[in-house]
PDB file of N, CA and C in Angstrom:
ATOM      1  N   MET A   1     -11.372  51.289   2.202  1.00  0.00           N
ATOM      2  CA  MET A   1     -10.442  50.594   1.376  1.00  0.00           C
ATOM      3  C   MET A   1      -9.628  49.928   1.749  1.00  0.00           C
ATOM      4  N   SER A   2      -8.901  49.626   2.972  1.00  0.00           N
ATOM      5  CA  SER A   2      -7.259  48.524   3.633  1.00  0.00           C
ATOM      6  C   SER A   2      -8.717  47.535   4.174  1.00  0.00           C
ATOM      7  N   ASP A   3      -9.343  47.158   4.784  1.00  0.00           N
ATOM      8  CA  ASP A   3     -10.052  46.050   5.408  1.00  0.00           C
ATOM      9  C   ASP A   3     -10.510  45.568   3.406  1.00  0.00           C
ATOM     10  N   ILE A   4     -10.798  45.927   2.883  1.00  0.00           N
ATOM     11  CA  ILE A   4     -11.419  45.258   1.398  1.00  0.00           C
ATOM     12  C   ILE A   4      -9.770  44.708   1.291  1.00  0.00           C
ATOM     13  N   LYS A   5      -8.816  45.515   0.965  1.00  0.00           N
ATOM     14  CA  LYS A   5      -7.925  44.609   0.629  1.00  0.00           C
ATOM     15  C   LYS A   5      -6.324  43.516   1.873  1.00  0.00           C
ATOM     16  N   THR A   6      -6.959  43.557   2.787  1.00  0.00           N
ATOM     17  CA  THR A   6      -6.344  42.958   3.641  1.00  0.00           C
ATOM     18  C   THR A   6      -7.260  41.535   4.093  1.00  0.00           C
ATOM     19  N   LEU A   7      -9.001  41.616   3.683  1.00  0.00           N
ATOM     20  CA  LEU A   7      -9.929  40.293   3.028  1.00  0.00           C
ATOM     21  C   LEU A   7      -9.358  40.664   1.904  1.00  0.00           C
ATOM     22  N   SER A   8      -8.869  40.404   0.291  1.00  0.00           N
ATOM     23  CA  SER A   8      -8.720  39.871  -0.006  1.00  0.00           C
ATOM     24  C   SER A   8      -7.495  39.627  -0.838  1.00  0.00           C
ATOM     25  N   ASP A   9      -6.399  39.595   0.473  1.00  0.00           N
ATOM     26  CA  ASP A   9      -5.414  39.279   0.420  1.00  0.00           C
ATOM     27  C   ASP A   9      -5.288  37.806   1.518  1.00  0.00           C
ATOM     28  N   ARG A  10      -5.828  37.906   2.139  1.00  0.00           N
ATOM     29  CA  ARG A  10      -6.934  36.818   2.987  1.00  0.00           C
ATOM     30  C   ARG A  10      -7.277  35.685   2.565  1.00  0.00           C
ATOM     31  N   ILE A  11      -8.115  36.072   1.403  1.00  0.00           N
ATOM     32  CA  ILE A  11      -8.977  34.699   0.439  1.00  0.00           C
ATOM     33  C   ILE A  11      -7.332  34.415  -0.642  1.00  0.00           C
ATOM     34  N   ASP A  12      -6.955  34.912  -1.321  1.00  0.00           N
ATOM     35  CA  ASP A  12      -5.848  34.502  -1.961  1.00  0.00           C
ATOM     36  C   ASP A  12      -5.018  33.584  -1.376  1.00  0.00           C
ATOM     37  N   ALA A  13      -4.260  33.939  -0.168  1.00  0.00           N
ATOM     38  CA  ALA A  13      -3.869  32.646   0.746  1.00  0.00           C
ATOM     39  C   ALA A  13      -4.362  31.815   0.897  1.00  0.00           C
ATOM     40  N   LEU A  14      -6.071  31.787   1.203  1.00  0.00           N
ATOM     41  CA  LEU A  14      -6.735  30.815   1.757  1.00  0.00           C
ATOM     42  C   LEU A  14      -6.705  29.743   0.676  1.00  0.00           C
ATOM     43  N   GLU A  15      -7.105  30.857  -0.644  1.00  0.00           N
ATOM     44  CA  GLU A  15      -7.240  30.065  -2.553  1.00  0.00           C
ATOM     45  C   GLU A  15      -6.088  29.469  -2.465  1.00  0.00           C
ATOM     46  N   THR A  16      -4.825  30.286  -2.142  1.00  0.00           N
ATOM     47  CA  THR A  16      -3.275  29.587  -2.876  1.00  0.00           C
ATOM     48  C   THR A  16      -3.539  28.164  -1.602  1.00  0.00           C
ATOM     49  N   ARG A  17      -3.387  28.091  -0.174  1.00  0.00           N
ATOM     50  CA  ARG A  17      -3.387  27.091   0.605  1.00  0.00           C
ATOM     51  C   ARG A  17      -4.256  25.680  -0.336  1.00  0.00           C
ATOM     52  N   LEU A  18      -5.620  26.159  -0.472  1.00  0.00           N
ATOM     53  CA  LEU A  18      -6.233  25.563  -0.795  1.00  0.00           C
ATOM     54  C   LEU A  18      -6.015  24.467  -2.087  1.00  0.00           C
ATOM     55  N   THR A  19      -5.656  25.497  -3.711  1.00  0.00           N
ATOM     56  CA  THR A  19      -4.856  24.672  -3.880  1.00  0.00           C
ATOM     57  C   THR A  19      -3.320  23.836  -3.932  1.00  0.00           C
ATOM     58  N   PHE A  20      -2.197  23.941  -3.428  1.00  0.00           N
ATOM     59  CA  PHE A  20      -1.587  23.220  -2.064  1.00  0.00           C
ATOM     60  C   PHE A  20      -2.431  21.703  -2.666  1.00  0.00           C
ATOM     61  N   GLN A  21      -2.849  22.105  -0.866  1.00  0.00           N
ATOM     62  CA  GLN A  21      -4.638  21.324  -0.220  1.00  0.00           C
ATOM     63  C   GLN A  21      -4.574  19.772  -1.359  1.00  0.00           C
ATOM     64  N   ASP A  22      -4.869  20.427  -2.392  1.00  0.00           N
ATOM     65  CA  ASP A  22      -5.735  20.229  -3.844  1.00  0.00           C
ATOM     66  C   ASP A  22      -5.157  18.573  -4.265  1.00  0.00           C
ATOM     67  N   GLU A  23      -3.414  19.271  -5.125  1.00  0.00           N
ATOM     68  CA  GLU A  23      -2.218  18.856  -5.721  1.00  0.00           C
ATOM     69  C   GLU A  23      -2.303  17.472  -4.120  1.00  0.00           C
ATOM     70  N   THR A  24      -2.292  17.937  -3.012  1.00  0.00           N
ATOM     71  CA  THR A  24      -1.715  16.717  -1.872  1.00  0.00           C
ATOM     72  C   THR A  24      -2.622  16.020  -2.433  1.00  0.00           C
ATOM     73  N   ILE A  25      -3.470  15.843  -1.797  1.00  0.00           N
ATOM     74  CA  ILE A  25      -4.857  15.058  -1.312  1.00  0.00           C
ATOM     75  C   ILE A  25      -5.049  13.668  -2.781  1.00  0.00           C
ATOM     76  N   GLU A  26      -4.635  14.646  -3.708  1.00  0.00           N
ATOM     77  CA  GLU A  26      -4.396  14.036  -5.463  1.00  0.00           C
ATOM     78  C   GLU A  26      -3.396  12.969  -5.185  1.00  0.00           C
ATOM     79  N   THR A  27      -1.858  13.528  -5.089  1.00  0.00           N
ATOM     80  CA  THR A  27      -0.812  12.912  -4.534  1.00  0.00           C
ATOM     81  C   THR A  27      -1.314  12.343  -3.988  1.00  0.00           C
ATOM     82  N   LEU A  28      -1.420  11.736  -2.842  1.00  0.00           N
ATOM     83  CA  LEU A  28      -1.778  10.605  -1.476  1.00  0.00           C
ATOM     84  C   LEU A  28      -2.308  10.125  -2.558  1.00  0.00           C
ATOM     85  N   ASN A  29      -3.598  10.362  -2.647  1.00  0.00           N
ATOM     86  CA  ASN A  29      -4.685   9.106  -3.627  1.00  0.00           C
ATOM     87  C   ASN A  29      -4.022   8.746  -4.269  1.00  0.00           C
ATOM     88  N   LYS A  30      -3.112   9.122  -5.456  1.00  0.00           N
ATOM     89  CA  LYS A  30      -2.730   7.828  -5.997  1.00  0.00           C
ATOM     90  C   LYS A  30      -1.802   7.096  -5.649  1.00  0.00           C
ATOM     91  N   THR A  31      -0.708   7.902  -4.579  1.00  0.00           N
ATOM     92  CA  THR A  31       0.024   7.293  -3.780  1.00  0.00           C
ATOM     93  C   THR A  31      -0.705   5.585  -2.817  1.00  0.00           C
ATOM     94  N   ILE A  32      -1.408   6.057  -2.517  1.00  0.00           N
ATOM     95  CA  ILE A  32      -2.412   5.209  -1.817  1.00  0.00           C
ATOM     96  C   ILE A  32      -3.046   3.881  -3.175  1.00  0.00           C
ATOM     97  N   THR A  33      -3.434   4.374  -3.870  1.00  0.00           N
ATOM     98  CA  THR A  33      -4.128   3.504  -4.663  1.00  0.00           C
ATOM     99  C   THR A  33      -2.711   2.282  -5.319  1.00  0.00           C
ATOM    100  N   ALA A  34      -2.114   2.516  -5.975  1.00  0.00           N
ATOM    101  CA  ALA A  34      -0.637   2.044  -6.126  1.00  0.00           C
ATOM    102  C   ALA A  34      -0.724   1.526  -5.224  1.00  0.00           C
ATOM    103  N   GLN A  35      -0.393   1.990  -3.775  1.00  0.00           N
ATOM    104  CA  GLN A  35       0.209   0.919  -2.874  1.00  0.00           C
ATOM    105  C   GLN A  35      -1.225  -0.927  -2.560  1.00  0.00           C
ATOM    106  N   TRP A  36      -1.778  -0.013  -2.952  1.00  0.00           N
ATOM    107  CA  TRP A  36      -3.412  -0.472  -2.177  1.00  0.00           C
ATOM    108  C   TRP A  36      -3.334  -1.984  -3.895  1.00  0.00           C
ATOM    109  N   LEU A  37      -2.794  -2.201  -4.698  1.00  0.00           N
ATOM    110  CA  LEU A  37      -2.746  -2.228  -6.676  1.00  0.00           C
ATOM    111  C   LEU A  37      -1.632  -3.568  -5.925  1.00  0.00           C
ATOM    112  N   LYS A  38      -0.413  -3.225  -5.291  1.00  0.00           N
ATOM    113  CA  LYS A  38       0.911  -3.238  -4.895  1.00  0.00           C
ATOM    114  C   LYS A  38       0.344  -4.762  -3.591  1.00  0.00           C
ATOM    115  N   ILE A  39       0.510  -4.283  -2.240  1.00  0.00           N
ATOM    116  CA  ILE A  39      -0.879  -5.347  -1.644  1.00  0.00           C
ATOM    117  C   ILE A  39      -1.407  -6.211  -1.806  1.00  0.00           C
ATOM    118  N   ASP A  40      -2.433  -5.926  -2.851  1.00  0.00           N
ATOM    119  CA  ASP A  40      -3.587  -6.606  -3.308  1.00  0.00           C
ATOM    120  C   ASP A  40      -2.315  -8.044  -4.738  1.00  0.00           C
ATOM    121  N   ALA A  41      -2.131  -7.592  -5.406  1.00  0.00           N
ATOM    122  CA  ALA A  41      -1.224  -8.460  -6.206  1.00  0.00           C
ATOM    123  C   ALA A  41      -0.485  -9.190  -5.372  1.00  0.00           C
ATOM    124  N   LEU A  42       0.549  -8.784  -4.345  1.00  0.00           N
ATOM    125  CA  LEU A  42       1.851  -9.654  -3.236  1.00  0.00           C
ATOM    126  C   LEU A  42       0.112 -10.408  -2.444  1.00  0.00           C
ATOM    127  N   THR A  43      -0.545 -10.255  -1.860  1.00  0.00           N
ATOM    128  CA  THR A  43      -1.464 -11.169  -0.893  1.00  0.00           C
ATOM    129  C   THR A  43      -2.229 -12.217  -2.393  1.00  0.00           C
ATOM    130  N   ARG A  44      -2.261 -11.790  -3.956  1.00  0.00           N
ATOM    131  CA  ARG A  44      -2.294 -12.811  -4.604  1.00  0.00           C
ATOM    132  C   ARG A  44      -0.946 -14.087  -4.645  1.00  0.00           C
ATOM    133  N   GLN A  45      -0.127 -13.668  -4.583  1.00  0.00           N
ATOM    134  CA  GLN A  45       1.127 -13.837  -4.532  1.00  0.00           C
ATOM    135  C   GLN A  45       1.405 -14.941  -3.656  1.00  0.00           C
ATOM    136  N   LEU A  46       1.073 -15.189  -2.351  1.00  0.00           N
ATOM    137  CA  LEU A  46       1.189 -14.900  -1.301  1.00  0.00           C
ATOM    138  C   LEU A  46       0.321 -16.982  -1.325  1.00  0.00           C
ATOM    139  N   VAL A  47      -1.444 -16.476  -1.108  1.00  0.00           N
ATOM    140  CA  VAL A  47      -2.106 -17.492  -1.381  1.00  0.00           C
ATOM    141  C   VAL A  47      -1.547 -18.073  -2.450  1.00  0.00           C
ATOM    142  N   ASN A  48      -0.651 -18.134  -3.896  1.00  0.00           N
ATOM    143  CA  ASN A  48      -0.677 -18.659  -4.843  1.00  0.00           C
ATOM    144  C   ASN A  48       0.616 -19.561  -4.646  1.00  0.00           C
ATOM    145  N   LEU A  49       2.301 -18.917  -3.484  1.00  0.00           N
ATOM    146  CA  LEU A  49       2.792 -19.624  -3.278  1.00  0.00           C
ATOM    147  C   LEU A  49       2.798 -21.000  -1.828  1.00  0.00           C
ATOM    148  N   ASN A  50       1.106 -20.265  -1.318  1.00  0.00           N
ATOM    149  CA  ASN A  50       1.307 -20.827   0.096  1.00  0.00           C
ATOM    150  C   ASN A  50       0.018 -22.051  -0.715  1.00  0.00           C
ATOM    151  N   GLN A  51      -0.771 -22.660  -2.038  1.00  0.00           N
ATOM    152  CA  GLN A  51      -0.761 -22.988  -2.096  1.00  0.00           C
ATOM    153  C   GLN A  51       0.020 -24.423  -2.780  1.00  0.00           C
ATOM    154  N   ARG A  52       1.137 -23.851  -3.496  1.00  0.00           N
ATOM    155  CA  ARG A  52       1.901 -24.707  -4.320  1.00  0.00           C
ATOM    156  C   ARG A  52       3.135 -25.321  -2.993  1.00  0.00           C
ATOM    157  N   LEU A  53       3.113 -24.676  -1.847  1.00  0.00           N
ATOM    158  CA  LEU A  53       3.487 -25.779  -0.963  1.00  0.00           C
ATOM    159  C   LEU A  53       3.341 -26.417  -0.648  1.00  0.00           C
ATOM    160  N   GLN A  54       1.776 -26.835  -0.165  1.00  0.00           N
ATOM    161  CA  GLN A  54       1.075 -27.382   0.621  1.00  0.00           C
ATOM    162  C   GLN A  54       0.603 -28.536  -0.617  1.00  0.00           C
ATOM    163  N   GLU A  55       0.635 -28.142  -2.035  1.00  0.00           N
ATOM    164  CA  GLU A  55       0.479 -29.647  -3.151  1.00  0.00           C
ATOM    165  C   GLU A  55       1.810 -30.299  -3.011  1.00  0.00           C
ATOM    166  N   ALA A  56       3.050 -29.301  -2.605  1.00  0.00           N
ATOM    167  CA  ALA A  56       4.478 -29.479  -2.473  1.00  0.00           C
ATOM    168  C   ALA A  56       4.753 -30.897  -1.626  1.00  0.00           C
ATOM    169  N   GLU A  57       3.993 -30.555  -0.007  1.00  0.00           N
ATOM    170  CA  GLU A  57       4.241 -30.794   0.992  1.00  0.00           C
ATOM    171  C   GLU A  57       3.460 -32.705   1.015  1.00  0.00           C
ATOM    172  N   ALA A  58       2.418 -32.806   0.271  1.00  0.00           N
ATOM    173  CA  ALA A  58       1.253 -33.676   0.134  1.00  0.00           C
ATOM    174  C   ALA A  58       1.905 -34.564  -0.711  1.00  0.00           C
ATOM    175  N   HIS A  59       3.045 -34.878  -0.947  1.00  0.00           N
ATOM    176  CA  HIS A  59       3.549 -35.083  -2.544  1.00  0.00           C
ATOM    177  C   HIS A  59       4.956 -35.383  -2.015  1.00  0.00           C
ATOM    178  N   ALA A  60       5.239 -34.693  -0.909  1.00  0.00           N
ATOM    179  CA  ALA A  60       6.387 -35.689  -0.343  1.00  0.00           C
ATOM    180  C   ALA A  60       6.380 -36.183   0.724  1.00  0.00           C
ATOM    181  N   PRO A  61       7.804 -37.441  -0.064  1.00  0.00           N
ATOM    182  CA  PRO A  61       7.975 -37.970   1.166  1.00  0.00           C
ATOM    183  C   PRO A  61       7.893 -38.723   2.556  1.00  0.00           C
ATOM    184  N   ASP A  62       6.319 -39.242   2.921  1.00  0.00           N
ATOM    185  CA  ASP A  62       7.503 -39.218   4.278  1.00  0.00           C
ATOM    186  C   ASP A  62       8.376 -39.668   4.947  1.00  0.00           C
ATOM    187  N   ALA A  63       9.416 -38.618   4.970  1.00  0.00           N
ATOM    188  CA  ALA A  63      10.445 -38.925   6.141  1.00  0.00           C
ATOM    189  C   ALA A  63      11.132 -37.964   7.142  1.00  0.00           C
ATOM    190  N   THR A  64       9.720 -36.909   7.191  1.00  0.00           N
ATOM    191  CA  THR A  64       9.392 -35.868   8.780  1.00  0.00           C
ATOM    192  C   THR A  64       9.867 -36.668   9.494  1.00  0.00           C
ATOM    193  N   ASN A  65       9.651 -38.578  10.368  1.00  0.00           N
ATOM    194  CA  ASN A  65       9.396 -38.997  11.272  1.00  0.00           C
ATOM    195  C   ASN A  65      11.338 -39.415  10.882  1.00  0.00           C
ATOM    196  N   GLU A  66      11.459 -39.709  10.814  1.00  0.00           N
ATOM    197  CA  GLU A  66      13.180 -40.556  10.336  1.00  0.00           C
ATOM    198  C   GLU A  66      13.709 -39.873  11.350  1.00  0.00           C
ATOM    199  N   PRO A  67      14.251 -40.595  12.249  1.00  0.00           N
ATOM    200  CA  PRO A  67      15.551 -39.976  13.173  1.00  0.00           C
ATOM    201  C   PRO A  67      16.462 -39.779  12.063  1.00  0.00           C
ATOM    202  N   PRO A  68      17.525 -38.343  11.667  1.00  0.00           N
ATOM    203  CA  PRO A  68      18.853 -38.536  11.551  1.00  0.00           C
ATOM    204  C   PRO A  68      19.615 -39.297  10.947  1.00  0.00           C
ATOM    205  N   PRO A  69      19.874 -38.794  10.263  1.00  0.00           N
ATOM    206  CA  PRO A  69      21.277 -40.289  10.039  1.00  0.00           C
ATOM    207  C   PRO A  69      22.747 -40.533  10.544  1.00  0.00           C
ATOM    208  N   HIS A  70      22.635 -39.709  11.387  1.00  0.00           N
ATOM    209  CA  HIS A  70      24.221 -39.853  12.492  1.00  0.00           C
ATOM    210  C   HIS A  70      23.672 -40.564  13.207  1.00  0.00           C
ATOM    211  N   TYR A  71      21.940 -41.036  13.864  1.00  0.00           N
ATOM    212  CA  TYR A  71      22.282 -42.018  15.188  1.00  0.00           C
ATOM    213  C   TYR A  71      22.006 -43.134  14.490  1.00  0.00           C
TER     214      TYR A  71
END
């Protein structure tokens, strides 16, 4: 009878740990998904800003090769 009680207690402990692990995995999955969505949005924003910068540089006057006014 003692062996059955010990085994039952061990199974209960394992089931409890499994439940907590499942909850942890689900929480981590939600966190990773949210981070991926944020990374994706930031990547798209970076591409957009890079395109805008290239357009601005293309339309800027060519003053980059002129010496500074104090020369």
